[in-house]
Amino acid sequence: MIKIYIDRKEVTSAEINSRQDFKKILASLPEKKNWKNPWFYGAVGLSSVIGTISLYFLLM
């Protein structure tokens, strides 16, 4: 559906710039959590850590 506004005034570039407040938009987004536990890295990361530790003790 196309809407045509006959009596609508044209938007100026100053008005467009005043509506582009990206800091406000970023502040309204939910904050991402930083995971700092080993389960974040999954099975591959956990097995790599275990493999590295076991190789260290095996070659020692």
N, C-alpha and C. Protein backbone atom coordinates (compact mmCIF):
# COMPACT_ATOMS: atom_id res chain seq x y z
N MET A 1 0.85 -1.17 0.00
CA MET A 1 0.00 0.00 0.00
C MET A 1 0.90 1.24 0.00
N ILE A 2 0.60 2.17 -0.85
CA ILE A 2 1.38 3.41 -0.95
C ILE A 2 0.52 4.55 -0.43
N LYS A 3 1.10 5.33 0.46
CA LYS A 3 0.39 6.49 0.99
C LYS A 3 1.04 7.75 0.43
N ILE A 4 0.24 8.66 -0.02
CA ILE A 4 0.74 9.93 -0.54
C ILE A 4 0.24 11.03 0.38
N TYR A 5 1.17 11.80 0.91
CA TYR A 5 0.83 12.92 1.77
C TYR A 5 0.97 14.20 0.96
N ILE A 6 -0.15 14.85 0.68
CA ILE A 6 -0.12 16.04 -0.17
C ILE A 6 0.28 17.26 0.63
N ASP A 7 -0.27 17.45 1.80
CA ASP A 7 -0.03 18.67 2.58
C ASP A 7 1.08 18.51 3.61
N ARG A 8 1.88 17.50 3.48
CA ARG A 8 2.94 17.26 4.46
C ARG A 8 4.17 18.07 4.07
N LYS A 9 4.77 18.73 5.06
CA LYS A 9 5.97 19.53 4.76
C LYS A 9 7.18 18.62 4.64
N GLU A 10 8.14 19.03 3.87
CA GLU A 10 9.33 18.23 3.61
C GLU A 10 10.25 18.23 4.83
N VAL A 11 10.86 17.09 5.09
CA VAL A 11 11.74 16.94 6.24
C VAL A 11 13.11 17.53 5.88
N THR A 12 13.63 18.35 6.78
CA THR A 12 14.94 18.96 6.54
C THR A 12 16.05 18.05 7.04
N SER A 13 17.25 18.31 6.56
CA SER A 13 18.39 17.50 7.01
C SER A 13 18.70 17.74 8.48
N ALA A 14 18.41 18.94 8.98
CA ALA A 14 18.64 19.22 10.40
C ALA A 14 17.70 18.38 11.27
N GLU A 15 16.47 18.21 10.81
CA GLU A 15 15.51 17.40 11.55
C GLU A 15 15.90 15.92 11.53
N ILE A 16 16.41 15.47 10.40
CA ILE A 16 16.87 14.09 10.29
C ILE A 16 18.05 13.86 11.23
N ASN A 17 18.99 14.79 11.26
CA ASN A 17 20.16 14.65 12.14
C ASN A 17 19.77 14.69 13.61
N SER A 18 18.74 15.46 13.95
CA SER A 18 18.31 15.52 15.36
C SER A 18 17.66 14.21 15.80
N ARG A 19 17.11 13.46 14.86
CA ARG A 19 16.46 12.19 15.20
C ARG A 19 17.44 11.02 15.23
N GLN A 20 18.65 11.23 14.77
CA GLN A 20 19.63 10.15 14.72
C GLN A 20 20.52 10.19 15.96
N ASP A 21 19.98 9.83 17.08
CA ASP A 21 20.72 9.80 18.34
C ASP A 21 21.13 8.35 18.61
N PHE A 22 22.27 7.95 18.07
CA PHE A 22 22.69 6.56 18.17
C PHE A 22 23.14 6.18 19.58
N LYS A 23 23.61 7.12 20.35
CA LYS A 23 24.00 6.80 21.73
C LYS A 23 22.77 6.40 22.54
N LYS A 24 21.65 7.06 22.28
CA LYS A 24 20.40 6.73 22.98
C LYS A 24 19.92 5.33 22.56
N ILE A 25 20.06 5.02 21.27
CA ILE A 25 19.64 3.71 20.78
C ILE A 25 20.51 2.62 21.39
N LEU A 26 21.83 2.83 21.42
CA LEU A 26 22.73 1.83 21.98
C LEU A 26 22.52 1.66 23.48
N ALA A 27 22.16 2.74 24.16
CA ALA A 27 21.91 2.64 25.60
C ALA A 27 20.64 1.85 25.90
N SER A 28 19.68 1.86 24.96
CA SER A 28 18.43 1.15 25.21
C SER A 28 18.53 -0.35 24.91
N LEU A 29 19.60 -0.77 24.23
CA LEU A 29 19.77 -2.19 23.94
C LEU A 29 20.17 -2.95 25.19
N PRO A 30 19.75 -4.21 25.31
CA PRO A 30 20.17 -4.98 26.50
C PRO A 30 21.67 -5.26 26.45
N GLU A 31 22.26 -5.26 27.62
CA GLU A 31 23.71 -5.45 27.72
C GLU A 31 24.05 -6.92 27.56
N LYS A 32 25.10 -7.20 26.79
CA LYS A 32 25.53 -8.58 26.60
C LYS A 32 26.32 -9.04 27.82
N LYS A 33 26.12 -10.30 28.17
CA LYS A 33 26.83 -10.85 29.32
C LYS A 33 28.16 -11.44 28.86
N ASN A 34 29.19 -11.21 29.64
CA ASN A 34 30.49 -11.83 29.38
C ASN A 34 30.57 -13.11 30.19
N TRP A 35 30.69 -14.20 29.47
CA TRP A 35 30.79 -15.50 30.14
C TRP A 35 32.25 -15.78 30.43
N LYS A 36 32.54 -16.06 31.67
CA LYS A 36 33.92 -16.34 32.06
C LYS A 36 34.03 -17.69 32.74
N ASN A 37 33.24 -18.65 32.29
CA ASN A 37 33.38 -19.98 32.86
C ASN A 37 33.73 -20.95 31.73
N PRO A 38 34.29 -22.09 32.04
CA PRO A 38 34.73 -23.03 31.00
C PRO A 38 33.61 -23.61 30.16
N TRP A 39 32.39 -23.64 30.66
CA TRP A 39 31.29 -24.20 29.88
C TRP A 39 30.94 -23.32 28.68
N PHE A 40 31.34 -22.06 28.72
CA PHE A 40 31.08 -21.17 27.58
C PHE A 40 31.79 -21.66 26.33
N TYR A 41 32.95 -22.25 26.48
CA TYR A 41 33.75 -22.67 25.33
C TYR A 41 33.28 -24.00 24.76
N GLY A 42 32.40 -24.69 25.40
CA GLY A 42 31.82 -25.90 24.87
C GLY A 42 32.70 -27.11 25.06
N ALA A 43 32.28 -28.19 24.42
CA ALA A 43 32.96 -29.47 24.57
C ALA A 43 34.35 -29.43 23.94
N VAL A 44 34.51 -28.74 22.83
CA VAL A 44 35.80 -28.70 22.15
C VAL A 44 36.82 -27.93 22.99
N GLY A 45 36.41 -26.82 23.54
CA GLY A 45 37.32 -26.04 24.37
C GLY A 45 37.72 -26.75 25.63
N LEU A 46 36.74 -27.39 26.25
CA LEU A 46 37.01 -28.12 27.49
C LEU A 46 37.90 -29.32 27.23
N SER A 47 37.66 -30.04 26.13
CA SER A 47 38.50 -31.19 25.82
C SER A 47 39.91 -30.75 25.43
N SER A 48 40.04 -29.58 24.81
CA SER A 48 41.37 -29.06 24.47
C SER A 48 42.17 -28.74 25.73
N VAL A 49 41.50 -28.18 26.72
CA VAL A 49 42.18 -27.87 27.98
C VAL A 49 42.60 -29.16 28.68
N ILE A 50 41.72 -30.13 28.71
CA ILE A 50 42.04 -31.41 29.36
C ILE A 50 43.16 -32.11 28.59
N GLY A 51 43.11 -32.08 27.26
CA GLY A 51 44.16 -32.69 26.45
C GLY A 51 45.51 -32.03 26.66
N THR A 52 45.52 -30.71 26.76
CA THR A 52 46.78 -29.99 26.99
C THR A 52 47.37 -30.33 28.35
N ILE A 53 46.52 -30.39 29.35
CA ILE A 53 46.99 -30.72 30.70
C ILE A 53 47.51 -32.17 30.74
N SER A 54 46.79 -33.08 30.09
CA SER A 54 47.23 -34.48 30.12
C SER A 54 48.53 -34.67 29.33
N LEU A 55 48.72 -33.96 28.23
CA LEU A 55 49.97 -34.04 27.48
C LEU A 55 51.13 -33.46 28.29
N TYR A 56 50.86 -32.42 29.05
CA TYR A 56 51.91 -31.82 29.88
C TYR A 56 52.41 -32.84 30.90
N PHE A 57 51.49 -33.53 31.55
CA PHE A 57 51.89 -34.49 32.57
C PHE A 57 52.46 -35.78 31.93
N LEU A 58 52.00 -36.12 30.73
CA LEU A 58 52.48 -37.31 30.05
C LEU A 58 53.92 -37.14 29.57
N LEU A 59 54.24 -35.97 29.06
CA LEU A 59 55.59 -35.70 28.53
C LEU A 59 56.55 -35.20 29.59
N MET A 60 56.10 -35.01 30.78
CA MET A 60 56.94 -34.49 31.84
C MET A 60 57.86 -35.51 32.39
